[in-house]
Amino acid sequence: MLLADDAVLIFDAQRQKEQDEVRWTAARKQWLALSSTLGADPSGRARLAAAPISAEVAADSRAMYMASAEVSVRAARSEKRWKVVSRIRRAQATNLYEEAGRPLPPPDDILALHRDALLAELRGHLTTSKVAELASSGCCAACRKDDGQSFKIADELRVLRLPHADCPKGLCGCDWWLAKAIPAKRRRRRKVATPEA
């Protein structure tokens, strides 16, 4: 079937609109489901779920998730529930990274969320130990080099080792586990000179 130039433009615009609506609908569903896990306002979620789909509705659903995450993280931080902070921040980083198309390197704001998750993990370990073990995903030389090594948590909170820079996974898959205390270095005993007879 041959279409006139004007008809082609209308046809292409309609097809683009349909593709956009499919994408916006999937995004709205995802962000509202994530918001639900964080206790977002049910009436707000219902309003967005019932609204005619558009780019604005998809963006508002995303904004609701981000706002809910911030509220939940603030509450968990104040109660020192570090595992909860880490879980929420990891989910944020992962979902936003997928939304961005998994670029290399990841955008700074996504890296900051991932880093915040790792710092929360360290703070949680600090309640029971002064040392953490780096568990590597083994995906690059930097990750493999640090695998299984133990580090003082106080040092790691000051100088951020993770995520490893230039990791080919984008969001470095390494993590912190509890570790036994680093053995103290033995001091060499000085030989006391004995007076000659």
N, C-alpha and C. Protein backbone atom coordinates (compact mmCIF):
# COMPACT_ATOMS: atom_id res chain seq x y z
N MET A 1 0.84 -1.19 0.00
CA MET A 1 0.00 0.00 0.00
C MET A 1 0.88 1.24 0.00
N LEU A 2 0.61 2.15 -0.93
CA LEU A 2 1.37 3.37 -1.03
C LEU A 2 0.65 4.47 -0.26
N LEU A 3 1.42 5.26 0.48
CA LEU A 3 0.84 6.35 1.26
C LEU A 3 1.39 7.67 0.77
N ALA A 4 0.56 8.69 0.77
CA ALA A 4 1.02 10.04 0.45
C ALA A 4 1.94 10.52 1.55
N ASP A 5 2.77 11.51 1.24
CA ASP A 5 3.75 12.00 2.23
C ASP A 5 3.08 12.40 3.54
N ASP A 6 1.97 13.11 3.46
CA ASP A 6 1.27 13.54 4.68
C ASP A 6 0.78 12.34 5.48
N ALA A 7 0.30 11.32 4.78
CA ALA A 7 -0.21 10.12 5.45
C ALA A 7 0.92 9.36 6.13
N VAL A 8 2.10 9.36 5.51
CA VAL A 8 3.26 8.69 6.10
C VAL A 8 3.63 9.35 7.43
N LEU A 9 3.60 10.69 7.44
CA LEU A 9 3.93 11.41 8.68
C LEU A 9 2.94 11.07 9.79
N ILE A 10 1.66 11.02 9.43
CA ILE A 10 0.63 10.68 10.42
C ILE A 10 0.81 9.25 10.91
N PHE A 11 1.09 8.34 9.97
CA PHE A 11 1.29 6.93 10.31
C PHE A 11 2.49 6.77 11.26
N ASP A 12 3.61 7.44 10.94
CA ASP A 12 4.81 7.35 11.77
C ASP A 12 4.57 7.94 13.16
N ALA A 13 3.84 9.05 13.20
CA ALA A 13 3.55 9.69 14.49
C ALA A 13 2.68 8.78 15.35
N GLN A 14 1.71 8.13 14.74
CA GLN A 14 0.83 7.23 15.48
C GLN A 14 1.60 6.03 16.01
N ARG A 15 2.46 5.48 15.16
CA ARG A 15 3.27 4.34 15.57
C ARG A 15 4.20 4.72 16.73
N GLN A 16 4.81 5.91 16.64
CA GLN A 16 5.69 6.38 17.72
C GLN A 16 4.91 6.56 19.01
N LYS A 17 3.69 7.11 18.91
CA LYS A 17 2.85 7.31 20.08
C LYS A 17 2.53 5.98 20.76
N GLU A 18 2.24 4.97 19.96
CA GLU A 18 1.93 3.65 20.52
C GLU A 18 3.14 3.05 21.22
N GLN A 19 4.31 3.21 20.60
CA GLN A 19 5.54 2.69 21.22
C GLN A 19 5.85 3.42 22.53
N ASP A 20 5.66 4.74 22.51
CA ASP A 20 5.90 5.53 23.72
C ASP A 20 4.95 5.10 24.84
N GLU A 21 3.68 4.88 24.50
CA GLU A 21 2.70 4.50 25.52
C GLU A 21 3.02 3.14 26.14
N VAL A 22 3.53 2.22 25.32
CA VAL A 22 3.95 0.92 25.85
C VAL A 22 5.10 1.11 26.84
N ARG A 23 6.07 1.95 26.46
CA ARG A 23 7.23 2.21 27.32
C ARG A 23 6.81 2.92 28.60
N TRP A 24 5.96 3.94 28.48
CA TRP A 24 5.51 4.69 29.66
C TRP A 24 4.69 3.80 30.60
N THR A 25 3.88 2.93 30.02
CA THR A 25 3.06 2.03 30.84
C THR A 25 3.93 1.07 31.64
N ALA A 26 4.96 0.52 30.99
CA ALA A 26 5.87 -0.39 31.69
C ALA A 26 6.62 0.34 32.79
N ALA A 27 7.05 1.58 32.49
CA ALA A 27 7.79 2.37 33.49
C ALA A 27 6.89 2.69 34.68
N ARG A 28 5.65 3.12 34.40
CA ARG A 28 4.72 3.43 35.50
C ARG A 28 4.50 2.21 36.38
N LYS A 29 4.29 1.07 35.76
CA LYS A 29 4.05 -0.16 36.53
C LYS A 29 5.24 -0.49 37.42
N GLN A 30 6.45 -0.36 36.86
CA GLN A 30 7.66 -0.67 37.63
C GLN A 30 7.83 0.28 38.81
N TRP A 31 7.74 1.62 38.54
CA TRP A 31 7.99 2.59 39.61
C TRP A 31 6.93 2.52 40.70
N LEU A 32 5.68 2.28 40.32
CA LEU A 32 4.63 2.19 41.34
C LEU A 32 4.77 0.93 42.18
N ALA A 33 5.20 -0.17 41.55
CA ALA A 33 5.43 -1.40 42.31
C ALA A 33 6.57 -1.20 43.30
N LEU A 34 7.64 -0.53 42.87
CA LEU A 34 8.77 -0.26 43.77
C LEU A 34 8.34 0.69 44.89
N SER A 35 7.52 1.69 44.55
CA SER A 35 7.03 2.62 45.57
C SER A 35 6.21 1.89 46.62
N SER A 36 5.46 0.90 46.18
CA SER A 36 4.62 0.13 47.09
C SER A 36 5.46 -0.57 48.15
N THR A 37 6.64 -1.08 47.76
CA THR A 37 7.50 -1.79 48.72
C THR A 37 8.07 -0.85 49.77
N LEU A 38 8.03 0.46 49.49
CA LEU A 38 8.58 1.45 50.42
C LEU A 38 7.48 2.19 51.19
N GLY A 39 6.24 1.71 51.05
CA GLY A 39 5.15 2.30 51.81
C GLY A 39 4.67 3.64 51.30
N ALA A 40 4.80 3.87 49.99
CA ALA A 40 4.32 5.14 49.42
C ALA A 40 2.82 5.26 49.61
N ASP A 41 2.34 6.49 49.63
CA ASP A 41 0.92 6.79 49.85
C ASP A 41 0.03 6.01 48.88
N PRO A 42 -0.84 5.12 49.38
CA PRO A 42 -1.69 4.31 48.49
C PRO A 42 -2.60 5.13 47.59
N SER A 43 -3.13 6.25 48.11
CA SER A 43 -4.03 7.06 47.29
C SER A 43 -3.27 7.72 46.13
N GLY A 44 -2.03 8.12 46.39
CA GLY A 44 -1.19 8.69 45.33
C GLY A 44 -0.86 7.67 44.27
N ARG A 45 -0.57 6.45 44.71
CA ARG A 45 -0.29 5.37 43.75
C ARG A 45 -1.52 5.05 42.93
N ALA A 46 -2.68 5.00 43.58
CA ALA A 46 -3.93 4.69 42.87
C ALA A 46 -4.25 5.78 41.84
N ARG A 47 -3.98 7.03 42.22
CA ARG A 47 -4.25 8.14 41.29
C ARG A 47 -3.39 8.02 40.04
N LEU A 48 -2.10 7.73 40.24
CA LEU A 48 -1.21 7.59 39.09
C LEU A 48 -1.53 6.36 38.25
N ALA A 49 -1.92 5.28 38.92
CA ALA A 49 -2.26 4.05 38.20
C ALA A 49 -3.50 4.22 37.33
N ALA A 50 -4.42 5.10 37.76
CA ALA A 50 -5.67 5.30 37.02
C ALA A 50 -5.57 6.40 35.97
N ALA A 51 -4.52 7.21 36.03
CA ALA A 51 -4.40 8.35 35.11
C ALA A 51 -4.13 7.88 33.69
N PRO A 52 -4.63 8.61 32.67
CA PRO A 52 -4.29 8.28 31.28
C PRO A 52 -2.78 8.34 31.11
N ILE A 53 -2.23 7.35 30.45
CA ILE A 53 -0.77 7.24 30.38
C ILE A 53 -0.17 8.37 29.55
N SER A 54 0.96 8.89 30.06
CA SER A 54 1.69 9.95 29.37
C SER A 54 3.11 9.96 29.92
N ALA A 55 3.98 10.74 29.29
CA ALA A 55 5.35 10.87 29.78
C ALA A 55 5.34 11.46 31.19
N GLU A 56 4.43 12.40 31.45
CA GLU A 56 4.35 13.06 32.76
C GLU A 56 3.94 12.06 33.85
N VAL A 57 2.99 11.19 33.54
CA VAL A 57 2.54 10.20 34.51
C VAL A 57 3.67 9.22 34.84
N ALA A 58 4.42 8.81 33.82
CA ALA A 58 5.56 7.91 34.04
C ALA A 58 6.62 8.62 34.90
N ALA A 59 6.88 9.90 34.60
CA ALA A 59 7.87 10.67 35.37
C ALA A 59 7.40 10.87 36.81
N ASP A 60 6.10 11.12 37.01
CA ASP A 60 5.57 11.29 38.36
C ASP A 60 5.66 9.99 39.17
N SER A 61 5.48 8.86 38.50
CA SER A 61 5.60 7.56 39.17
C SER A 61 7.03 7.32 39.62
N ARG A 62 7.97 7.70 38.77
CA ARG A 62 9.40 7.59 39.12
C ARG A 62 9.72 8.50 40.29
N ALA A 63 9.20 9.73 40.24
CA ALA A 63 9.45 10.71 41.32
C ALA A 63 8.89 10.20 42.64
N MET A 64 7.74 9.53 42.59
CA MET A 64 7.17 8.98 43.82
C MET A 64 8.09 7.92 44.42
N TYR A 65 8.65 7.08 43.56
CA TYR A 65 9.59 6.05 44.05
C TYR A 65 10.81 6.70 44.69
N MET A 66 11.39 7.68 44.01
CA MET A 66 12.59 8.33 44.53
C MET A 66 12.32 9.03 45.86
N ALA A 67 11.17 9.70 45.95
CA ALA A 67 10.82 10.39 47.20
C ALA A 67 10.59 9.38 48.33
N SER A 68 9.92 8.29 48.01
CA SER A 68 9.67 7.25 49.02
C SER A 68 10.97 6.64 49.51
N ALA A 69 11.91 6.45 48.58
CA ALA A 69 13.22 5.89 48.95
C ALA A 69 13.95 6.82 49.91
N GLU A 70 13.90 8.13 49.63
CA GLU A 70 14.59 9.09 50.50
C GLU A 70 13.99 9.10 51.90
N VAL A 71 12.66 9.07 51.98
CA VAL A 71 11.99 9.05 53.28
C VAL A 71 12.38 7.78 54.05
N SER A 72 12.37 6.64 53.36
CA SER A 72 12.69 5.36 54.01
C SER A 72 14.15 5.31 54.46
N VAL A 73 15.04 5.84 53.63
CA VAL A 73 16.47 5.85 53.98
C VAL A 73 16.70 6.74 55.19
N ARG A 74 16.07 7.91 55.21
CA ARG A 74 16.22 8.82 56.36
C ARG A 74 15.78 8.15 57.65
N ALA A 75 14.62 7.48 57.60
CA ALA A 75 14.10 6.82 58.79
C ALA A 75 15.02 5.69 59.24
N ALA A 76 15.49 4.88 58.29
CA ALA A 76 16.37 3.76 58.62
C ALA A 76 17.70 4.25 59.17
N ARG A 77 18.22 5.33 58.60
CA ARG A 77 19.49 5.90 59.08
C ARG A 77 19.36 6.37 60.52
N SER A 78 18.27 7.03 60.83
CA SER A 78 18.09 7.56 62.18
C SER A 78 18.00 6.44 63.21
N GLU A 79 17.52 5.27 62.77
CA GLU A 79 17.41 4.11 63.66
C GLU A 79 18.60 3.16 63.52
N LYS A 80 19.59 3.58 62.71
CA LYS A 80 20.81 2.79 62.48
C LYS A 80 20.50 1.38 61.96
N ARG A 81 19.50 1.31 61.10
CA ARG A 81 19.19 0.04 60.43
C ARG A 81 19.93 0.04 59.09
N TRP A 82 21.23 -0.27 59.18
CA TRP A 82 22.12 -0.11 58.04
C TRP A 82 21.83 -1.07 56.91
N LYS A 83 21.37 -2.28 57.23
CA LYS A 83 21.04 -3.24 56.16
C LYS A 83 19.87 -2.73 55.32
N VAL A 84 18.92 -2.07 55.96
CA VAL A 84 17.78 -1.51 55.23
C VAL A 84 18.25 -0.39 54.32
N VAL A 85 19.12 0.49 54.85
CA VAL A 85 19.68 1.57 54.04
C VAL A 85 20.38 1.00 52.82
N SER A 86 21.22 -0.02 53.05
CA SER A 86 21.97 -0.62 51.96
C SER A 86 21.04 -1.24 50.91
N ARG A 87 20.01 -1.94 51.37
CA ARG A 87 19.09 -2.60 50.44
C ARG A 87 18.37 -1.59 49.56
N ILE A 88 17.89 -0.50 50.16
CA ILE A 88 17.16 0.51 49.39
C ILE A 88 18.08 1.20 48.39
N ARG A 89 19.28 1.57 48.85
CA ARG A 89 20.21 2.26 47.95
C ARG A 89 20.66 1.36 46.80
N ARG A 90 20.88 0.08 47.08
CA ARG A 90 21.26 -0.85 46.00
C ARG A 90 20.15 -0.94 44.96
N ALA A 91 18.91 -1.05 45.45
CA ALA A 91 17.78 -1.15 44.53
C ALA A 91 17.67 0.12 43.68
N GLN A 92 17.85 1.28 44.32
CA GLN A 92 17.80 2.53 43.56
C GLN A 92 18.87 2.55 42.47
N ALA A 93 20.10 2.25 42.86
CA ALA A 93 21.20 2.29 41.89
C ALA A 93 20.94 1.32 40.74
N THR A 94 20.51 0.11 41.06
CA THR A 94 20.28 -0.90 40.03
C THR A 94 19.17 -0.48 39.08
N ASN A 95 18.05 -0.02 39.63
CA ASN A 95 16.91 0.36 38.78
C ASN A 95 17.21 1.57 37.91
N LEU A 96 17.91 2.55 38.47
CA LEU A 96 18.24 3.73 37.68
C LEU A 96 19.30 3.41 36.62
N TYR A 97 20.20 2.48 36.96
CA TYR A 97 21.22 2.07 35.99
C TYR A 97 20.57 1.34 34.81
N GLU A 98 19.61 0.48 35.10
CA GLU A 98 18.88 -0.21 34.03
C GLU A 98 18.11 0.80 33.18
N GLU A 99 17.47 1.76 33.84
CA GLU A 99 16.71 2.77 33.12
C GLU A 99 17.61 3.57 32.19
N ALA A 100 18.85 3.84 32.63
CA ALA A 100 19.78 4.63 31.83
C ALA A 100 20.40 3.84 30.68
N GLY A 101 20.15 2.51 30.65
CA GLY A 101 20.71 1.69 29.57
C GLY A 101 22.07 1.11 29.88
N ARG A 102 22.43 1.05 31.18
CA ARG A 102 23.70 0.47 31.65
C ARG A 102 24.93 1.11 30.98
N PRO A 103 25.04 2.45 31.04
CA PRO A 103 26.18 3.10 30.40
C PRO A 103 27.49 2.86 31.15
N LEU A 104 28.59 2.94 30.43
CA LEU A 104 29.92 2.83 31.03
C LEU A 104 30.69 4.11 30.73
N PRO A 105 31.22 4.77 31.75
CA PRO A 105 31.00 4.50 33.17
C PRO A 105 29.59 4.93 33.59
N PRO A 106 29.12 4.41 34.74
CA PRO A 106 27.80 4.83 35.21
C PRO A 106 27.79 6.31 35.56
N PRO A 107 26.64 6.97 35.43
CA PRO A 107 26.54 8.38 35.83
C PRO A 107 26.87 8.57 37.31
N ASP A 108 27.38 9.74 37.64
CA ASP A 108 27.84 10.01 39.01
C ASP A 108 26.74 9.84 40.05
N ASP A 109 25.50 10.25 39.71
CA ASP A 109 24.43 10.15 40.71
C ASP A 109 24.10 8.69 41.02
N ILE A 110 24.21 7.82 40.02
CA ILE A 110 23.95 6.39 40.25
C ILE A 110 25.09 5.76 41.04
N LEU A 111 26.33 6.15 40.71
CA LEU A 111 27.49 5.66 41.48
C LEU A 111 27.38 6.09 42.94
N ALA A 112 26.90 7.30 43.17
CA ALA A 112 26.77 7.80 44.55
C ALA A 112 25.79 6.95 45.34
N LEU A 113 24.70 6.54 44.72
CA LEU A 113 23.72 5.68 45.41
C LEU A 113 24.33 4.32 45.72
N HIS A 114 25.06 3.77 44.75
CA HIS A 114 25.71 2.46 44.95
C HIS A 114 26.75 2.55 46.06
N ARG A 115 27.51 3.64 46.06
CA ARG A 115 28.53 3.85 47.09
C ARG A 115 27.88 3.99 48.47
N ASP A 116 26.76 4.68 48.53
CA ASP A 116 26.05 4.85 49.80
C ASP A 116 25.60 3.50 50.35
N ALA A 117 25.19 2.60 49.45
CA ALA A 117 24.79 1.25 49.88
C ALA A 117 25.97 0.51 50.50
N LEU A 118 27.14 0.63 49.89
CA LEU A 118 28.33 -0.05 50.40
C LEU A 118 28.79 0.54 51.73
N LEU A 119 28.68 1.86 51.86
CA LEU A 119 29.05 2.50 53.12
C LEU A 119 28.10 2.08 54.24
N ALA A 120 26.82 1.96 53.92
CA ALA A 120 25.86 1.50 54.93
C ALA A 120 26.17 0.07 55.37
N GLU A 121 26.59 -0.76 54.41
CA GLU A 121 26.97 -2.14 54.74
C GLU A 121 28.14 -2.14 55.72
N LEU A 122 29.13 -1.29 55.47
CA LEU A 122 30.28 -1.19 56.38
C LEU A 122 29.86 -0.71 57.77
N ARG A 123 28.99 0.28 57.81
CA ARG A 123 28.54 0.81 59.11
C ARG A 123 27.79 -0.27 59.89
N GLY A 124 27.06 -1.10 59.18
CA GLY A 124 26.37 -2.21 59.84
C GLY A 124 27.35 -3.21 60.43
N HIS A 125 28.41 -3.52 59.69
CA HIS A 125 29.42 -4.46 60.19
C HIS A 125 30.17 -3.89 61.38
N LEU A 126 30.31 -2.56 61.41
CA LEU A 126 31.07 -1.91 62.49
C LEU A 126 30.42 -2.13 63.85
N THR A 127 29.16 -2.47 63.88
CA THR A 127 28.50 -2.72 65.17
C THR A 127 28.98 -4.01 65.82
N THR A 128 29.56 -4.91 65.04
CA THR A 128 30.02 -6.19 65.61
C THR A 128 31.49 -6.47 65.36
N SER A 129 32.13 -5.72 64.48
CA SER A 129 33.53 -5.99 64.16
C SER A 129 34.20 -4.69 63.71
N LYS A 130 35.52 -4.67 63.83
CA LYS A 130 36.28 -3.52 63.34
C LYS A 130 36.87 -3.78 61.97
N VAL A 131 36.61 -4.99 61.45
CA VAL A 131 37.24 -5.42 60.20
C VAL A 131 36.19 -5.99 59.26
N ALA A 132 36.36 -5.73 57.97
CA ALA A 132 35.48 -6.32 56.95
C ALA A 132 36.32 -6.98 55.87
N GLU A 133 35.76 -8.03 55.29
CA GLU A 133 36.43 -8.73 54.20
C GLU A 133 35.79 -8.34 52.88
N LEU A 134 36.63 -8.08 51.90
CA LEU A 134 36.11 -7.71 50.59
C LEU A 134 35.82 -8.98 49.80
N ALA A 135 34.57 -9.16 49.42
CA ALA A 135 34.16 -10.32 48.63
C ALA A 135 34.04 -9.86 47.18
N SER A 136 34.90 -10.38 46.33
CA SER A 136 34.99 -9.91 44.95
C SER A 136 34.02 -10.63 44.03
N SER A 137 33.56 -9.89 43.02
CA SER A 137 32.78 -10.53 41.96
C SER A 137 33.71 -11.15 40.93
N GLY A 138 35.00 -10.83 41.02
CA GLY A 138 36.01 -11.44 40.15
C GLY A 138 35.93 -11.03 38.70
N CYS A 139 35.31 -9.88 38.43
CA CYS A 139 35.08 -9.52 37.03
C CYS A 139 36.22 -8.70 36.41
N CYS A 140 37.14 -8.20 37.22
CA CYS A 140 38.25 -7.43 36.66
C CYS A 140 39.47 -7.57 37.58
N ALA A 141 40.60 -7.07 37.11
CA ALA A 141 41.85 -7.22 37.86
C ALA A 141 41.77 -6.57 39.23
N ALA A 142 41.17 -5.38 39.31
CA ALA A 142 41.06 -4.68 40.60
C ALA A 142 40.20 -5.48 41.57
N CYS A 143 39.12 -6.05 41.08
CA CYS A 143 38.23 -6.85 41.93
C CYS A 143 38.96 -8.12 42.41
N ARG A 144 39.65 -8.79 41.51
CA ARG A 144 40.35 -10.03 41.88
C ARG A 144 41.49 -9.76 42.85
N LYS A 145 42.15 -8.62 42.70
CA LYS A 145 43.29 -8.29 43.56
C LYS A 145 42.86 -8.16 45.03
N ASP A 146 41.71 -7.57 45.26
CA ASP A 146 41.25 -7.33 46.63
C ASP A 146 40.45 -8.49 47.22
N ASP A 147 40.13 -9.47 46.41
CA ASP A 147 39.25 -10.56 46.86
C ASP A 147 39.80 -11.28 48.09
N GLY A 148 38.96 -11.39 49.11
CA GLY A 148 39.33 -12.14 50.31
C GLY A 148 40.20 -11.38 51.29
N GLN A 149 40.60 -10.18 50.96
CA GLN A 149 41.45 -9.41 51.87
C GLN A 149 40.59 -8.70 52.91
N SER A 150 41.16 -8.55 54.09
CA SER A 150 40.47 -7.88 55.19
C SER A 150 41.02 -6.47 55.37
N PHE A 151 40.11 -5.56 55.67
CA PHE A 151 40.48 -4.15 55.82
C PHE A 151 39.80 -3.58 57.06
N LYS A 152 40.44 -2.61 57.69
CA LYS A 152 39.84 -1.94 58.84
C LYS A 152 38.68 -1.07 58.35
N ILE A 153 37.54 -1.25 58.98
CA ILE A 153 36.33 -0.54 58.55
C ILE A 153 36.50 0.97 58.68
N ALA A 154 37.11 1.41 59.76
CA ALA A 154 37.29 2.86 59.96
C ALA A 154 38.07 3.47 58.80
N ASP A 155 39.09 2.75 58.30
CA ASP A 155 39.86 3.25 57.16
C ASP A 155 39.00 3.30 55.89
N GLU A 156 38.20 2.25 55.70
CA GLU A 156 37.38 2.17 54.48
C GLU A 156 36.27 3.21 54.47
N LEU A 157 35.81 3.63 55.63
CA LEU A 157 34.79 4.68 55.69
C LEU A 157 35.36 6.04 55.31
N ARG A 158 36.68 6.19 55.49
CA ARG A 158 37.33 7.46 55.14
C ARG A 158 37.74 7.51 53.67
N VAL A 159 38.31 6.42 53.17
CA VAL A 159 38.78 6.35 51.78
C VAL A 159 37.99 5.24 51.08
N LEU A 160 37.18 5.62 50.12
CA LEU A 160 36.26 4.68 49.49
C LEU A 160 36.98 3.78 48.48
N ARG A 161 37.11 2.51 48.82
CA ARG A 161 37.73 1.54 47.92
C ARG A 161 36.72 1.04 46.88
N LEU A 162 35.47 0.89 47.34
CA LEU A 162 34.41 0.38 46.46
C LEU A 162 33.41 1.50 46.13
N PRO A 163 32.82 1.43 44.96
CA PRO A 163 33.04 0.46 43.89
C PRO A 163 34.37 0.71 43.19
N HIS A 164 34.98 -0.38 42.71
CA HIS A 164 36.25 -0.24 42.00
C HIS A 164 36.06 0.63 40.76
N ALA A 165 37.01 1.53 40.56
CA ALA A 165 36.95 2.41 39.38
C ALA A 165 37.13 1.59 38.11
N ASP A 166 36.44 1.98 37.06
CA ASP A 166 36.56 1.34 35.73
C ASP A 166 36.18 -0.13 35.72
N CYS A 167 35.39 -0.58 36.69
CA CYS A 167 34.95 -1.97 36.67
C CYS A 167 34.08 -2.18 35.44
N PRO A 168 34.33 -3.25 34.65
CA PRO A 168 33.56 -3.46 33.42
C PRO A 168 32.09 -3.78 33.66
N LYS A 169 31.73 -4.09 34.91
CA LYS A 169 30.32 -4.33 35.20
C LYS A 169 29.55 -3.03 35.33
N GLY A 170 30.28 -1.92 35.38
CA GLY A 170 29.62 -0.63 35.56
C GLY A 170 29.39 -0.37 37.03
N LEU A 171 28.43 -1.08 37.62
CA LEU A 171 28.25 -1.05 39.07
C LEU A 171 28.99 -2.26 39.62
N CYS A 172 30.18 -2.02 40.12
CA CYS A 172 31.05 -3.08 40.63
C CYS A 172 30.27 -4.01 41.56
N GLY A 173 30.42 -5.32 41.33
CA GLY A 173 29.66 -6.30 42.11
C GLY A 173 30.31 -6.72 43.42
N CYS A 174 31.43 -6.11 43.79
CA CYS A 174 32.10 -6.47 45.04
C CYS A 174 31.27 -6.01 46.24
N ASP A 175 31.51 -6.67 47.37
CA ASP A 175 30.72 -6.38 48.57
C ASP A 175 31.58 -6.55 49.81
N TRP A 176 31.04 -6.11 50.93
CA TRP A 176 31.73 -6.24 52.22
C TRP A 176 31.08 -7.33 53.07
N TRP A 177 31.92 -8.23 53.59
CA TRP A 177 31.46 -9.26 54.52
C TRP A 177 32.14 -9.05 55.86
N LEU A 178 31.55 -9.63 56.90
CA LEU A 178 32.22 -9.60 58.21
C LEU A 178 33.51 -10.42 58.13
N ALA A 179 34.52 -9.97 58.84
CA ALA A 179 35.80 -10.69 58.84
C ALA A 179 36.33 -10.80 60.25
N LYS A 180 37.23 -11.76 60.44
CA LYS A 180 37.91 -11.86 61.72
C LYS A 180 38.90 -10.72 61.85
N ALA A 181 39.27 -10.43 63.06
CA ALA A 181 40.20 -9.33 63.29
C ALA A 181 41.52 -9.59 62.58
N ILE A 182 42.10 -8.51 62.06
CA ILE A 182 43.42 -8.62 61.43
C ILE A 182 44.44 -8.92 62.51
N PRO A 183 45.24 -9.97 62.31
CA PRO A 183 46.24 -10.28 63.35
C PRO A 183 47.20 -9.11 63.57
N ALA A 184 47.46 -8.84 64.82
CA ALA A 184 48.38 -7.75 65.15
C ALA A 184 49.79 -8.16 64.78
N LYS A 185 50.57 -7.18 64.30
CA LYS A 185 51.96 -7.48 63.95
C LYS A 185 52.76 -7.67 65.22
N ARG A 186 53.58 -8.71 65.18
CA ARG A 186 54.42 -8.95 66.36
C ARG A 186 55.61 -8.01 66.35
N ARG A 187 55.88 -7.50 67.53
CA ARG A 187 57.05 -6.62 67.63
C ARG A 187 58.29 -7.47 67.83
N ARG A 188 59.32 -7.07 67.15
CA ARG A 188 60.59 -7.79 67.33
C ARG A 188 61.20 -7.40 68.67
N ARG A 189 61.64 -8.41 69.37
CA ARG A 189 62.32 -8.11 70.64
C ARG A 189 63.76 -7.74 70.38
N ARG A 190 64.12 -6.68 71.03
CA ARG A 190 65.52 -6.27 70.87
C ARG A 190 66.39 -7.11 71.79
N LYS A 191 67.48 -7.53 71.22
CA LYS A 191 68.41 -8.29 72.04
C LYS A 191 69.15 -7.36 72.99
N VAL A 192 69.10 -7.73 74.23
CA VAL A 192 69.81 -6.91 75.22
C VAL A 192 71.26 -7.33 75.23
N ALA A 193 72.11 -6.36 75.03
CA ALA A 193 73.55 -6.67 74.99
C ALA A 193 74.01 -7.10 76.37
N THR A 194 74.68 -8.25 76.40
CA THR A 194 75.19 -8.74 77.68
C THR A 194 76.62 -8.23 77.88
N PRO A 195 76.93 -7.79 79.08
CA PRO A 195 78.30 -7.27 79.31
C PRO A 195 79.32 -8.38 79.15
N GLU A 196 80.40 -8.04 78.52
CA GLU A 196 81.47 -9.06 78.33
C GLU A 196 82.12 -9.36 79.67
N ALA A 197 82.43 -10.62 79.84
CA ALA A 197 83.07 -11.06 81.09
C ALA A 197 84.52 -10.60 81.12
